[in-house]
Amino acid sequence: KAHALYKSTRSPVDYSRFSNLRTQCKFLTRKFHTKFIEKTESSFHENPKAFWDFVRKSKSGHTLPTTVELGDAFSNDRASMCEMFSSHFGSVYSFAAINLCDLERNYHPHELPYSCYVSLDYMLIRLEKLRSIKSVGPNGLSGSFLYAIRASLSYPLFIVISKSLDESTLVLSIDCPHHDYSPVLCHLGPTTLAARRVQINLSFLAKLIDSRIHAPVLLK
């Protein structure tokens, strides 16, 4: 109201009153924000269990949206939702059809001291097991969401695991049940914004690699 009064009168007195109120408002905002931060930090020490319960509850509540809006268009049907996402990201992804079988045949793995072959069919089989899993991973992606995009996710997973095995960037040990998966994506170089739009659930990726490693592994 003070600002509106000054805009209408252009009076120095009204501007002084408005400037004074604005200064008080900024002071109180900083004061209350500082108190809020201090209270939040102290609550971590007093009751850390309540904080982690809140975090887990927030993560477990993630679900796929029931309605989607894009501009003036509105949809509550999954098929049309996919079309909306396709239209929105049309400038990033190519519409050309990709033959995954040809890509797999053109990929020639190198000879390693062990035999561990990963195929696209195996990736699809493992991703299909996420169909009824609604819990979310560390990045907020649910298993059912990864199942819904399994056709698009299978080939990137195939490349990541195969490239990691071929270039020895994935540390494998038959005697050790826990493996180090951190070098897998780091070795592939910087990731573009377009490539990061569909993130990989790293915890699931770790289990996927483990399941394949503990399948028949032939030492030479």
Foldseek 3Di string as FASTA:
>chain_A
DLVVVCVVVVDPVSVVVVVVVVVVVVVVVVVVVVVVVVVVVVVCVVCVPVVVVVVQVVLQPDDDDQWDDDPPDIDRDPVVVVVSVCVVCVVQDDPDDDDVVVVQVPDDADDDQKDFDDDLVLQLVLLCVLCPFQGAAPVSDTSNNSNVCSVVVSVVLNCLVRVCVRVVQWDDDPVDLDTDPVSSVVVVDDDDPSRPPDPDRVVSSRVSVSVRVPPDMGGD
